[in-house]
Amino acid sequence: MPSGETGPAWKACRGCYNVWAVKEKIHPKWYTEARVHCACGSTFTTGSTIPEIAVEICSACHPLFTGQQKFVDTAGRVDKFRQREQIAKRKQEEAAARKAKREAEKAAAEV
C-alpha cells in the first residue's frame, strides 16, 4: 500500500490497482498551476500537461454562461461573406444594366 493511502476507498480498490505495476517515466509532466488566458482577457489556473494555455472562449465570455448572444468571428468569415455578397449584388446590377442597354439597342434597331 502506498504511503498515506488509507481508508475504505483504498481497500475497495486494492484488488484492481497494483501500485508496483504502474510504469515510471511514461507519463507527461503534470502542471498543477497551469495558467489559462482567454481572448477576452480573463485568466484562471487549472491542472494540465502544458504550463500555458491560450483559448478564444472561456466561461466568462461564452454565450451559454453569460446569457448574451455574441458572434464569434474567426478569421473574418463574416466580413468575407459580406464582401462576396456585395460583389454578387454589383455583378447582378451590371448584368441588369447590360440587358437593359441591349434591349434598348434592339428596340432602336427595329424602328
PDB file of N, CA and C in Angstrom:
ATOM      1  N   MET A   1       0.853  -1.162   0.000  1.00  0.00           N
ATOM      2  CA  MET A   1       0.000   0.000   0.000  1.00  0.00           C
ATOM      3  C   MET A   1       0.907   1.236   0.000  1.00  0.00           C
ATOM      4  N   PRO A   2       0.643   2.236  -0.869  1.00  0.00           N
ATOM      5  CA  PRO A   2       1.454   3.448  -0.896  1.00  0.00           C
ATOM      6  C   PRO A   2       1.330   4.210   0.408  1.00  0.00           C
ATOM      7  N   SER A   3       2.357   4.947   0.732  1.00  0.00           N
ATOM      8  CA  SER A   3       2.328   5.690   1.988  1.00  0.00           C
ATOM      9  C   SER A   3       1.248   6.771   1.936  1.00  0.00           C
ATOM     10  N   GLY A   4       0.532   6.942   3.029  1.00  0.00           N
ATOM     11  CA  GLY A   4      -0.521   7.957   3.111  1.00  0.00           C
ATOM     12  C   GLY A   4      -1.866   7.505   2.577  1.00  0.00           C
ATOM     13  N   GLU A   5      -1.960   6.338   1.966  1.00  0.00           N
ATOM     14  CA  GLU A   5      -3.212   5.849   1.414  1.00  0.00           C
ATOM     15  C   GLU A   5      -3.869   4.911   2.412  1.00  0.00           C
ATOM     16  N   THR A   6      -4.915   5.361   3.038  1.00  0.00           N
ATOM     17  CA  THR A   6      -5.655   4.519   3.968  1.00  0.00           C
ATOM     18  C   THR A   6      -7.133   4.745   3.755  1.00  0.00           C
ATOM     19  N   GLY A   7      -7.934   3.946   4.363  1.00  0.00           N
ATOM     20  CA  GLY A   7      -9.369   4.162   4.317  1.00  0.00           C
ATOM     21  C   GLY A   7     -10.074   3.160   3.438  1.00  0.00           C
ATOM     22  N   PRO A   8     -11.420   3.217   3.446  1.00  0.00           N
ATOM     23  CA  PRO A   8     -12.220   2.235   2.717  1.00  0.00           C
ATOM     24  C   PRO A   8     -12.066   2.345   1.205  1.00  0.00           C
ATOM     25  N   ALA A   9     -11.789   3.556   0.676  1.00  0.00           N
ATOM     26  CA  ALA A   9     -11.653   3.694  -0.772  1.00  0.00           C
ATOM     27  C   ALA A   9     -10.437   2.916  -1.263  1.00  0.00           C
ATOM     28  N   TRP A  10      -9.344   2.976  -0.515  1.00  0.00           N
ATOM     29  CA  TRP A  10      -8.148   2.246  -0.915  1.00  0.00           C
ATOM     30  C   TRP A  10      -8.384   0.740  -0.797  1.00  0.00           C
ATOM     31  N   LYS A  11      -9.093   0.334   0.230  1.00  0.00           N
ATOM     32  CA  LYS A  11      -9.350  -1.089   0.433  1.00  0.00           C
ATOM     33  C   LYS A  11     -10.242  -1.644  -0.680  1.00  0.00           C
ATOM     34  N   ALA A  12     -11.214  -0.855  -1.144  1.00  0.00           N
ATOM     35  CA  ALA A  12     -12.107  -1.307  -2.196  1.00  0.00           C
ATOM     36  C   ALA A  12     -11.371  -1.422  -3.524  1.00  0.00           C
ATOM     37  N   CYS A  13     -10.348  -0.630  -3.685  1.00  0.00           N
ATOM     38  CA  CYS A  13      -9.622  -0.598  -4.951  1.00  0.00           C
ATOM     39  C   CYS A  13      -8.382  -1.494  -4.928  1.00  0.00           C
ATOM     40  N   ARG A  14      -8.060  -2.054  -3.811  1.00  0.00           N
ATOM     41  CA  ARG A  14      -6.822  -2.806  -3.651  1.00  0.00           C
ATOM     42  C   ARG A  14      -6.719  -3.968  -4.629  1.00  0.00           C
ATOM     43  N   GLY A  15      -7.812  -4.623  -4.921  1.00  0.00           N
ATOM     44  CA  GLY A  15      -7.745  -5.787  -5.797  1.00  0.00           C
ATOM     45  C   GLY A  15      -7.518  -5.441  -7.258  1.00  0.00           C
ATOM     46  N   CYS A  16      -7.913  -4.264  -7.697  1.00  0.00           N
ATOM     47  CA  CYS A  16      -7.801  -3.933  -9.108  1.00  0.00           C
ATOM     48  C   CYS A  16      -6.643  -2.994  -9.424  1.00  0.00           C
ATOM     49  N   TYR A  17      -6.005  -2.425  -8.423  1.00  0.00           N
ATOM     50  CA  TYR A  17      -4.928  -1.459  -8.654  1.00  0.00           C
ATOM     51  C   TYR A  17      -3.654  -1.944  -7.994  1.00  0.00           C
ATOM     52  N   ASN A  18      -2.635  -2.107  -8.787  1.00  0.00           N
ATOM     53  CA  ASN A  18      -1.353  -2.551  -8.274  1.00  0.00           C
ATOM     54  C   ASN A  18      -0.361  -1.411  -8.448  1.00  0.00           C
ATOM     55  N   VAL A  19      -0.016  -0.733  -7.355  1.00  0.00           N
ATOM     56  CA  VAL A  19       0.841   0.433  -7.418  1.00  0.00           C
ATOM     57  C   VAL A  19       2.228   0.083  -7.940  1.00  0.00           C
ATOM     58  N   TRP A  20       2.672  -1.123  -7.775  1.00  0.00           N
ATOM     59  CA  TRP A  20       4.000  -1.509  -8.228  1.00  0.00           C
ATOM     60  C   TRP A  20       4.014  -1.857  -9.718  1.00  0.00           C
ATOM     61  N   ALA A  21       2.839  -2.025 -10.322  1.00  0.00           N
ATOM     62  CA  ALA A  21       2.768  -2.335 -11.749  1.00  0.00           C
ATOM     63  C   ALA A  21       2.715  -1.077 -12.611  1.00  0.00           C
ATOM     64  N   VAL A  22       2.523   0.111 -12.007  1.00  0.00           N
ATOM     65  CA  VAL A  22       2.455   1.357 -12.762  1.00  0.00           C
ATOM     66  C   VAL A  22       3.861   1.701 -13.243  1.00  0.00           C
ATOM     67  N   LYS A  23       4.012   1.933 -14.530  1.00  0.00           N
ATOM     68  CA  LYS A  23       5.320   2.224 -15.104  1.00  0.00           C
ATOM     69  C   LYS A  23       5.722   3.664 -14.818  1.00  0.00           C
ATOM     70  N   GLU A  24       6.995   3.871 -14.612  1.00  0.00           N
ATOM     71  CA  GLU A  24       7.512   5.208 -14.380  1.00  0.00           C
ATOM     72  C   GLU A  24       8.046   5.785 -15.680  1.00  0.00           C
ATOM     73  N   LYS A  25       8.141   7.093 -15.742  1.00  0.00           N
ATOM     74  CA  LYS A  25       8.742   7.846 -16.843  1.00  0.00           C
ATOM     75  C   LYS A  25       8.012   7.698 -18.172  1.00  0.00           C
ATOM     76  N   ILE A  26       6.718   7.354 -18.174  1.00  0.00           N
ATOM     77  CA  ILE A  26       5.974   7.299 -19.432  1.00  0.00           C
ATOM     78  C   ILE A  26       4.872   8.345 -19.474  1.00  0.00           C
ATOM     79  N   HIS A  27       4.583   8.977 -18.356  1.00  0.00           N
ATOM     80  CA  HIS A  27       3.518   9.956 -18.295  1.00  0.00           C
ATOM     81  C   HIS A  27       4.087  11.363 -18.452  1.00  0.00           C
ATOM     82  N   PRO A  28       3.347  12.268 -19.101  1.00  0.00           N
ATOM     83  CA  PRO A  28       3.849  13.643 -19.249  1.00  0.00           C
ATOM     84  C   PRO A  28       3.863  14.365 -17.903  1.00  0.00           C
ATOM     85  N   LYS A  29       4.655  15.415 -17.823  1.00  0.00           N
ATOM     86  CA  LYS A  29       4.731  16.191 -16.586  1.00  0.00           C
ATOM     87  C   LYS A  29       3.399  16.887 -16.353  1.00  0.00           C
ATOM     88  N   TRP A  30       2.944  16.898 -15.119  1.00  0.00           N
ATOM     89  CA  TRP A  30       1.663  17.496 -14.743  1.00  0.00           C
ATOM     90  C   TRP A  30       1.907  18.820 -14.047  1.00  0.00           C
ATOM     91  N   TYR A  31       1.336  19.885 -14.614  1.00  0.00           N
ATOM     92  CA  TYR A  31       1.437  21.213 -14.029  1.00  0.00           C
ATOM     93  C   TYR A  31       0.144  21.489 -13.267  1.00  0.00           C
ATOM     94  N   THR A  32       0.229  21.585 -11.954  1.00  0.00           N
ATOM     95  CA  THR A  32      -0.971  21.827 -11.154  1.00  0.00           C
ATOM     96  C   THR A  32      -1.415  23.277 -11.234  1.00  0.00           C
ATOM     97  N   GLU A  33      -0.526  24.176 -11.590  1.00  0.00           N
ATOM     98  CA  GLU A  33      -0.854  25.604 -11.692  1.00  0.00           C
ATOM     99  C   GLU A  33      -0.727  26.077 -13.134  1.00  0.00           C
ATOM    100  N   ALA A  34      -1.354  25.399 -14.080  1.00  0.00           N
ATOM    101  CA  ALA A  34      -1.335  25.814 -15.481  1.00  0.00           C
ATOM    102  C   ALA A  34      -2.234  27.035 -15.645  1.00  0.00           C
ATOM    103  N   ARG A  35      -1.719  28.080 -16.305  1.00  0.00           N
ATOM    104  CA  ARG A  35      -2.477  29.323 -16.479  1.00  0.00           C
ATOM    105  C   ARG A  35      -3.199  29.293 -17.817  1.00  0.00           C
ATOM    106  N   VAL A  36      -4.477  29.629 -17.797  1.00  0.00           N
ATOM    107  CA  VAL A  36      -5.299  29.691 -18.999  1.00  0.00           C
ATOM    108  C   VAL A  36      -5.606  31.152 -19.274  1.00  0.00           C
ATOM    109  N   HIS A  37      -5.264  31.619 -20.495  1.00  0.00           N
ATOM    110  CA  HIS A  37      -5.508  33.000 -20.905  1.00  0.00           C
ATOM    111  C   HIS A  37      -6.561  32.986 -22.000  1.00  0.00           C
ATOM    112  N   CYS A  38      -7.623  33.759 -21.824  1.00  0.00           N
ATOM    113  CA  CYS A  38      -8.697  33.843 -22.811  1.00  0.00           C
ATOM    114  C   CYS A  38      -8.513  35.105 -23.650  1.00  0.00           C
ATOM    115  N   ALA A  39      -9.102  35.122 -24.832  1.00  0.00           N
ATOM    116  CA  ALA A  39      -9.047  36.289 -25.707  1.00  0.00           C
ATOM    117  C   ALA A  39      -9.797  37.476 -25.100  1.00  0.00           C
ATOM    118  N   CYS A  40     -10.738  37.217 -24.196  1.00  0.00           N
ATOM    119  CA  CYS A  40     -11.494  38.299 -23.560  1.00  0.00           C
ATOM    120  C   CYS A  40     -10.692  38.975 -22.452  1.00  0.00           C
ATOM    121  N   GLY A  41      -9.552  38.390 -22.075  1.00  0.00           N
ATOM    122  CA  GLY A  41      -8.715  38.955 -21.026  1.00  0.00           C
ATOM    123  C   GLY A  41      -8.793  38.210 -19.707  1.00  0.00           C
ATOM    124  N   SER A  42      -9.680  37.285 -19.592  1.00  0.00           N
ATOM    125  CA  SER A  42      -9.836  36.512 -18.367  1.00  0.00           C
ATOM    126  C   SER A  42      -8.715  35.493 -18.238  1.00  0.00           C
ATOM    127  N   THR A  43      -8.232  35.278 -17.010  1.00  0.00           N
ATOM    128  CA  THR A  43      -7.227  34.250 -16.751  1.00  0.00           C
ATOM    129  C   THR A  43      -7.641  33.444 -15.532  1.00  0.00           C
ATOM    130  N   PHE A  44      -7.291  32.167 -15.541  1.00  0.00           N
ATOM    131  CA  PHE A  44      -7.534  31.307 -14.389  1.00  0.00           C
ATOM    132  C   PHE A  44      -6.526  30.178 -14.420  1.00  0.00           C
ATOM    133  N   THR A  45      -6.435  29.442 -13.333  1.00  0.00           N
ATOM    134  CA  THR A  45      -5.489  28.333 -13.255  1.00  0.00           C
ATOM    135  C   THR A  45      -6.236  27.016 -13.191  1.00  0.00           C
ATOM    136  N   THR A  46      -5.589  25.989 -13.709  1.00  0.00           N
ATOM    137  CA  THR A  46      -6.144  24.649 -13.711  1.00  0.00           C
ATOM    138  C   THR A  46      -4.991  23.656 -13.801  1.00  0.00           C
ATOM    139  N   GLY A  47      -5.257  22.398 -13.763  1.00  0.00           N
ATOM    140  CA  GLY A  47      -4.234  21.386 -13.923  1.00  0.00           C
ATOM    141  C   GLY A  47      -4.157  20.949 -15.372  1.00  0.00           C
ATOM    142  N   SER A  48      -2.932  20.813 -15.907  1.00  0.00           N
ATOM    143  CA  SER A  48      -2.766  20.429 -17.299  1.00  0.00           C
ATOM    144  C   SER A  48      -1.365  19.884 -17.522  1.00  0.00           C
ATOM    145  N   THR A  49      -1.156  19.316 -18.702  1.00  0.00           N
ATOM    146  CA  THR A  49       0.173  18.827 -19.061  1.00  0.00           C
ATOM    147  C   THR A  49       1.010  19.889 -19.761  1.00  0.00           C
ATOM    148  N   ILE A  50       0.425  21.073 -20.004  1.00  0.00           N
ATOM    149  CA  ILE A  50       1.192  22.199 -20.555  1.00  0.00           C
ATOM    150  C   ILE A  50       1.032  23.393 -19.612  1.00  0.00           C
ATOM    151  N   PRO A  51       2.082  24.195 -19.420  1.00  0.00           N
ATOM    152  CA  PRO A  51       2.027  25.254 -18.404  1.00  0.00           C
ATOM    153  C   PRO A  51       1.192  26.472 -18.788  1.00  0.00           C
ATOM    154  N   GLU A  52       1.111  26.820 -20.079  1.00  0.00           N
ATOM    155  CA  GLU A  52       0.350  27.983 -20.533  1.00  0.00           C
ATOM    156  C   GLU A  52      -0.625  27.548 -21.614  1.00  0.00           C
ATOM    157  N   ILE A  53      -1.894  27.966 -21.486  1.00  0.00           N
ATOM    158  CA  ILE A  53      -2.920  27.620 -22.458  1.00  0.00           C
ATOM    159  C   ILE A  53      -3.587  28.906 -22.917  1.00  0.00           C
ATOM    160  N   ALA A  54      -3.722  29.099 -24.229  1.00  0.00           N
ATOM    161  CA  ALA A  54      -4.414  30.253 -24.791  1.00  0.00           C
ATOM    162  C   ALA A  54      -5.702  29.761 -25.455  1.00  0.00           C
ATOM    163  N   VAL A  55      -6.845  30.335 -25.047  1.00  0.00           N
ATOM    164  CA  VAL A  55      -8.136  29.933 -25.597  1.00  0.00           C
ATOM    165  C   VAL A  55      -8.859  31.149 -26.161  1.00  0.00           C
ATOM    166  N   GLU A  56      -9.813  30.919 -27.058  1.00  0.00           N
ATOM    167  CA  GLU A  56     -10.591  32.004 -27.634  1.00  0.00           C
ATOM    168  C   GLU A  56     -11.839  32.306 -26.813  1.00  0.00           C
ATOM    169  N   ILE A  57     -12.440  31.283 -26.236  1.00  0.00           N
ATOM    170  CA  ILE A  57     -13.682  31.450 -25.484  1.00  0.00           C
ATOM    171  C   ILE A  57     -13.551  30.709 -24.156  1.00  0.00           C
ATOM    172  N   CYS A  58     -13.965  31.373 -23.074  1.00  0.00           N
ATOM    173  CA  CYS A  58     -13.945  30.740 -21.751  1.00  0.00           C
ATOM    174  C   CYS A  58     -15.333  30.901 -21.129  1.00  0.00           C
ATOM    175  N   SER A  59     -15.478  30.440 -19.910  1.00  0.00           N
ATOM    176  CA  SER A  59     -16.785  30.527 -19.250  1.00  0.00           C
ATOM    177  C   SER A  59     -17.167  31.965 -18.927  1.00  0.00           C
ATOM    178  N   ALA A  60     -16.216  32.892 -18.912  1.00  0.00           N
ATOM    179  CA  ALA A  60     -16.526  34.293 -18.624  1.00  0.00           C
ATOM    180  C   ALA A  60     -17.129  35.008 -19.831  1.00  0.00           C
ATOM    181  N   CYS A  61     -16.860  34.502 -21.045  1.00  0.00           N
ATOM    182  CA  CYS A  61     -17.364  35.191 -22.235  1.00  0.00           C
ATOM    183  C   CYS A  61     -18.232  34.307 -23.133  1.00  0.00           C
ATOM    184  N   HIS A  62     -18.399  33.041 -22.821  1.00  0.00           N
ATOM    185  CA  HIS A  62     -19.207  32.152 -23.654  1.00  0.00           C
ATOM    186  C   HIS A  62     -20.685  32.475 -23.488  1.00  0.00           C
ATOM    187  N   PRO A  63     -21.442  32.558 -24.596  1.00  0.00           N
ATOM    188  CA  PRO A  63     -22.867  32.912 -24.516  1.00  0.00           C
ATOM    189  C   PRO A  63     -23.693  31.964 -23.643  1.00  0.00           C
ATOM    190  N   LEU A  64     -23.311  30.710 -23.545  1.00  0.00           N
ATOM    191  CA  LEU A  64     -24.051  29.766 -22.723  1.00  0.00           C
ATOM    192  C   LEU A  64     -24.008  30.178 -21.253  1.00  0.00           C
ATOM    193  N   PHE A  65     -22.870  30.682 -20.807  1.00  0.00           N
ATOM    194  CA  PHE A  65     -22.706  31.052 -19.410  1.00  0.00           C
ATOM    195  C   PHE A  65     -23.113  32.497 -19.133  1.00  0.00           C
ATOM    196  N   THR A  66     -22.951  33.401 -20.122  1.00  0.00           N
ATOM    197  CA  THR A  66     -23.264  34.817 -19.905  1.00  0.00           C
ATOM    198  C   THR A  66     -24.719  35.135 -20.194  1.00  0.00           C
ATOM    199  N   GLY A  67     -25.368  34.352 -21.059  1.00  0.00           N
ATOM    200  CA  GLY A  67     -26.758  34.623 -21.406  1.00  0.00           C
ATOM    201  C   GLY A  67     -26.908  35.697 -22.464  1.00  0.00           C
ATOM    202  N   GLN A  68     -25.820  36.171 -23.036  1.00  0.00           N
ATOM    203  CA  GLN A  68     -25.859  37.194 -24.076  1.00  0.00           C
ATOM    204  C   GLN A  68     -25.430  36.571 -25.391  1.00  0.00           C
ATOM    205  N   GLN A  69     -26.112  37.003 -26.465  1.00  0.00           N
ATOM    206  CA  GLN A  69     -25.741  36.495 -27.774  1.00  0.00           C
ATOM    207  C   GLN A  69     -24.491  37.215 -28.249  1.00  0.00           C
ATOM    208  N   LYS A  70     -23.557  36.445 -28.795  1.00  0.00           N
ATOM    209  CA  LYS A  70     -22.300  37.027 -29.240  1.00  0.00           C
ATOM    210  C   LYS A  70     -21.861  36.280 -30.489  1.00  0.00           C
ATOM    211  N   PHE A  71     -21.487  37.021 -31.516  1.00  0.00           N
ATOM    212  CA  PHE A  71     -20.994  36.393 -32.728  1.00  0.00           C
ATOM    213  C   PHE A  71     -19.491  36.200 -32.598  1.00  0.00           C
ATOM    214  N   VAL A  72     -19.059  34.990 -32.818  1.00  0.00           N
ATOM    215  CA  VAL A  72     -17.643  34.680 -32.759  1.00  0.00           C
ATOM    216  C   VAL A  72     -17.154  34.616 -34.202  1.00  0.00           C
ATOM    217  N   ASP A  73     -16.431  35.640 -34.625  1.00  0.00           N
ATOM    218  CA  ASP A  73     -15.958  35.739 -35.993  1.00  0.00           C
ATOM    219  C   ASP A  73     -14.485  35.368 -36.026  1.00  0.00           C
ATOM    220  N   THR A  74     -14.207  34.146 -36.452  1.00  0.00           N
ATOM    221  CA  THR A  74     -12.816  33.724 -36.545  1.00  0.00           C
ATOM    222  C   THR A  74     -12.354  33.891 -37.973  1.00  0.00           C
ATOM    223  N   ALA A  75     -11.223  34.499 -38.125  1.00  0.00           N
ATOM    224  CA  ALA A  75     -10.575  34.720 -39.424  1.00  0.00           C
ATOM    225  C   ALA A  75     -11.411  35.606 -40.340  1.00  0.00           C
ATOM    226  N   GLY A  76     -12.262  36.465 -39.792  1.00  0.00           N
ATOM    227  CA  GLY A  76     -13.014  37.425 -40.592  1.00  0.00           C
ATOM    228  C   GLY A  76     -14.015  36.795 -41.536  1.00  0.00           C
ATOM    229  N   ARG A  77     -14.600  35.689 -41.167  1.00  0.00           N
ATOM    230  CA  ARG A  77     -15.524  34.986 -42.055  1.00  0.00           C
ATOM    231  C   ARG A  77     -16.762  35.809 -42.371  1.00  0.00           C
ATOM    232  N   VAL A  78     -17.263  36.536 -41.395  1.00  0.00           N
ATOM    233  CA  VAL A  78     -18.458  37.360 -41.628  1.00  0.00           C
ATOM    234  C   VAL A  78     -18.124  38.463 -42.612  1.00  0.00           C
ATOM    235  N   ASP A  79     -16.965  39.111 -42.447  1.00  0.00           N
ATOM    236  CA  ASP A  79     -16.554  40.172 -43.367  1.00  0.00           C
ATOM    237  C   ASP A  79     -16.361  39.634 -44.779  1.00  0.00           C
ATOM    238  N   LYS A  80     -15.728  38.462 -44.888  1.00  0.00           N
ATOM    239  CA  LYS A  80     -15.526  37.860 -46.208  1.00  0.00           C
ATOM    240  C   LYS A  80     -16.864  37.551 -46.871  1.00  0.00           C
ATOM    241  N   PHE A  81     -17.827  37.055 -46.099  1.00  0.00           N
ATOM    242  CA  PHE A  81     -19.145  36.762 -46.650  1.00  0.00           C
ATOM    243  C   PHE A  81     -19.824  38.032 -47.137  1.00  0.00           C
ATOM    244  N   ARG A  82     -19.743  39.102 -46.355  1.00  0.00           N
ATOM    245  CA  ARG A  82     -20.365  40.368 -46.757  1.00  0.00           C
ATOM    246  C   ARG A  82     -19.704  40.936 -48.007  1.00  0.00           C
ATOM    247  N   GLN A  83     -18.391  40.791 -48.138  1.00  0.00           N
ATOM    248  CA  GLN A  83     -17.715  41.251 -49.352  1.00  0.00           C
ATOM    249  C   GLN A  83     -18.185  40.458 -50.567  1.00  0.00           C
ATOM    250  N   ARG A  84     -18.290  39.147 -50.435  1.00  0.00           N
ATOM    251  CA  ARG A  84     -18.786  38.336 -51.551  1.00  0.00           C
ATOM    252  C   ARG A  84     -20.214  38.710 -51.904  1.00  0.00           C
ATOM    253  N   GLU A  85     -21.023  38.993 -50.888  1.00  0.00           N
ATOM    254  CA  GLU A  85     -22.407  39.383 -51.111  1.00  0.00           C
ATOM    255  C   GLU A  85     -22.478  40.701 -51.889  1.00  0.00           C
ATOM    256  N   GLN A  86     -21.627  41.678 -51.532  1.00  0.00           N
ATOM    257  CA  GLN A  86     -21.598  42.961 -52.237  1.00  0.00           C
ATOM    258  C   GLN A  86     -21.136  42.791 -53.679  1.00  0.00           C
ATOM    259  N   ILE A  87     -20.136  41.950 -53.897  1.00  0.00           N
ATOM    260  CA  ILE A  87     -19.646  41.703 -55.253  1.00  0.00           C
ATOM    261  C   ILE A  87     -20.742  41.063 -56.102  1.00  0.00           C
ATOM    262  N   ALA A  88     -21.457  40.098 -55.541  1.00  0.00           N
ATOM    263  CA  ALA A  88     -22.541  39.436 -56.269  1.00  0.00           C
ATOM    264  C   ALA A  88     -23.650  40.429 -56.610  1.00  0.00           C
ATOM    265  N   LYS A  89     -23.980  41.313 -55.679  1.00  0.00           N
ATOM    266  CA  LYS A  89     -25.019  42.313 -55.930  1.00  0.00           C
ATOM    267  C   LYS A  89     -24.589  43.278 -57.037  1.00  0.00           C
ATOM    268  N   ARG A  90     -23.307  43.694 -57.001  1.00  0.00           N
ATOM    269  CA  ARG A  90     -22.792  44.601 -58.023  1.00  0.00           C
ATOM    270  C   ARG A  90     -22.826  43.935 -59.392  1.00  0.00           C
ATOM    271  N   LYS A  91     -22.466  42.641 -59.468  1.00  0.00           N
ATOM    272  CA  LYS A  91     -22.499  41.923 -60.740  1.00  0.00           C
ATOM    273  C   LYS A  91     -23.923  41.782 -61.271  1.00  0.00           C
ATOM    274  N   GLN A  92     -24.894  41.572 -60.385  1.00  0.00           N
ATOM    275  CA  GLN A  92     -26.289  41.484 -60.808  1.00  0.00           C
ATOM    276  C   GLN A  92     -26.760  42.821 -61.380  1.00  0.00           C
ATOM    277  N   GLU A  93     -26.362  43.926 -60.724  1.00  0.00           N
ATOM    278  CA  GLU A  93     -26.738  45.252 -61.216  1.00  0.00           C
ATOM    279  C   GLU A  93     -26.110  45.528 -62.581  1.00  0.00           C
ATOM    280  N   GLU A  94     -24.832  45.146 -62.759  1.00  0.00           N
ATOM    281  CA  GLU A  94     -24.158  45.331 -64.042  1.00  0.00           C
ATOM    282  C   GLU A  94     -24.821  44.501 -65.129  1.00  0.00           C
ATOM    283  N   ALA A  95     -25.207  43.272 -64.802  1.00  0.00           N
ATOM    284  CA  ALA A  95     -25.877  42.405 -65.775  1.00  0.00           C
ATOM    285  C   ALA A  95     -27.235  42.984 -66.160  1.00  0.00           C
ATOM    286  N   ALA A  96     -27.957  43.522 -65.188  1.00  0.00           N
ATOM    287  CA  ALA A  96     -29.254  44.134 -65.480  1.00  0.00           C
ATOM    288  C   ALA A  96     -29.070  45.368 -66.364  1.00  0.00           C
ATOM    289  N   ALA A  97     -28.020  46.160 -66.130  1.00  0.00           N
ATOM    290  CA  ALA A  97     -27.761  47.345 -66.952  1.00  0.00           C
ATOM    291  C   ALA A  97     -27.388  46.939 -68.379  1.00  0.00           C
ATOM    292  N   ARG A  98     -26.565  45.882 -68.538  1.00  0.00           N
ATOM    293  CA  ARG A  98     -26.206  45.407 -69.887  1.00  0.00           C
ATOM    294  C   ARG A  98     -27.433  44.900 -70.630  1.00  0.00           C
ATOM    295  N   LYS A  99     -28.309  44.196 -69.902  1.00  0.00           N
ATOM    296  CA  LYS A  99     -29.519  43.664 -70.528  1.00  0.00           C
ATOM    297  C   LYS A  99     -30.426  44.796 -70.977  1.00  0.00           C
ATOM    298  N   ALA A 100     -30.575  45.820 -70.131  1.00  0.00           N
ATOM    299  CA  ALA A 100     -31.421  46.965 -70.492  1.00  0.00           C
ATOM    300  C   ALA A 100     -30.827  47.698 -71.695  1.00  0.00           C
ATOM    301  N   LYS A 101     -29.509  47.831 -71.737  1.00  0.00           N
ATOM    302  CA  LYS A 101     -28.849  48.517 -72.855  1.00  0.00           C
ATOM    303  C   LYS A 101     -29.043  47.723 -74.150  1.00  0.00           C
ATOM    304  N   ARG A 102     -28.903  46.406 -74.094  1.00  0.00           N
ATOM    305  CA  ARG A 102     -29.099  45.547 -75.255  1.00  0.00           C
ATOM    306  C   ARG A 102     -30.530  45.634 -75.771  1.00  0.00           C
ATOM    307  N   GLU A 103     -31.495  45.619 -74.857  1.00  0.00           N
ATOM    308  CA  GLU A 103     -32.904  45.720 -75.262  1.00  0.00           C
ATOM    309  C   GLU A 103     -33.197  47.071 -75.885  1.00  0.00           C
ATOM    310  N   ALA A 104     -32.563  48.136 -75.354  1.00  0.00           N
ATOM    311  CA  ALA A 104     -32.770  49.468 -75.932  1.00  0.00           C
ATOM    312  C   ALA A 104     -32.159  49.540 -77.313  1.00  0.00           C
ATOM    313  N   GLU A 105     -30.982  48.963 -77.525  1.00  0.00           N
ATOM    314  CA  GLU A 105     -30.353  48.961 -78.848  1.00  0.00           C
ATOM    315  C   GLU A 105     -31.177  48.128 -79.816  1.00  0.00           C
ATOM    316  N   LYS A 106     -31.726  47.025 -79.345  1.00  0.00           N
ATOM    317  CA  LYS A 106     -32.555  46.157 -80.201  1.00  0.00           C
ATOM    318  C   LYS A 106     -33.833  46.880 -80.601  1.00  0.00           C
ATOM    319  N   ALA A 107     -34.439  47.604 -79.653  1.00  0.00           N
ATOM    320  CA  ALA A 107     -35.666  48.357 -79.938  1.00  0.00           C
ATOM    321  C   ALA A 107     -35.373  49.496 -80.920  1.00  0.00           C
ATOM    322  N   ALA A 108     -34.201  50.155 -80.796  1.00  0.00           N
ATOM    323  CA  ALA A 108     -33.824  51.250 -81.688  1.00  0.00           C
ATOM    324  C   ALA A 108     -33.543  50.723 -83.082  1.00  0.00           C
ATOM    325  N   ALA A 109     -32.984  49.509 -83.184  1.00  0.00           N
ATOM    326  CA  ALA A 109     -32.675  48.933 -84.484  1.00  0.00           C
ATOM    327  C   ALA A 109     -33.936  48.509 -85.219  1.00  0.00           C
ATOM    328  N   GLU A 110     -34.996  48.153 -84.541  1.00  0.00           N
ATOM    329  CA  GLU A 110     -36.237  47.714 -85.145  1.00  0.00           C
ATOM    330  C   GLU A 110     -37.025  48.893 -85.702  1.00  0.00           C
ATOM    331  N   VAL A 111     -36.808  50.074 -85.179  1.00  0.00           N
ATOM    332  CA  VAL A 111     -37.592  51.240 -85.601  1.00  0.00           C
ATOM    333  C   VAL A 111     -37.093  51.767 -86.888  1.00  0.00           C
TER     334      VAL A 111
END
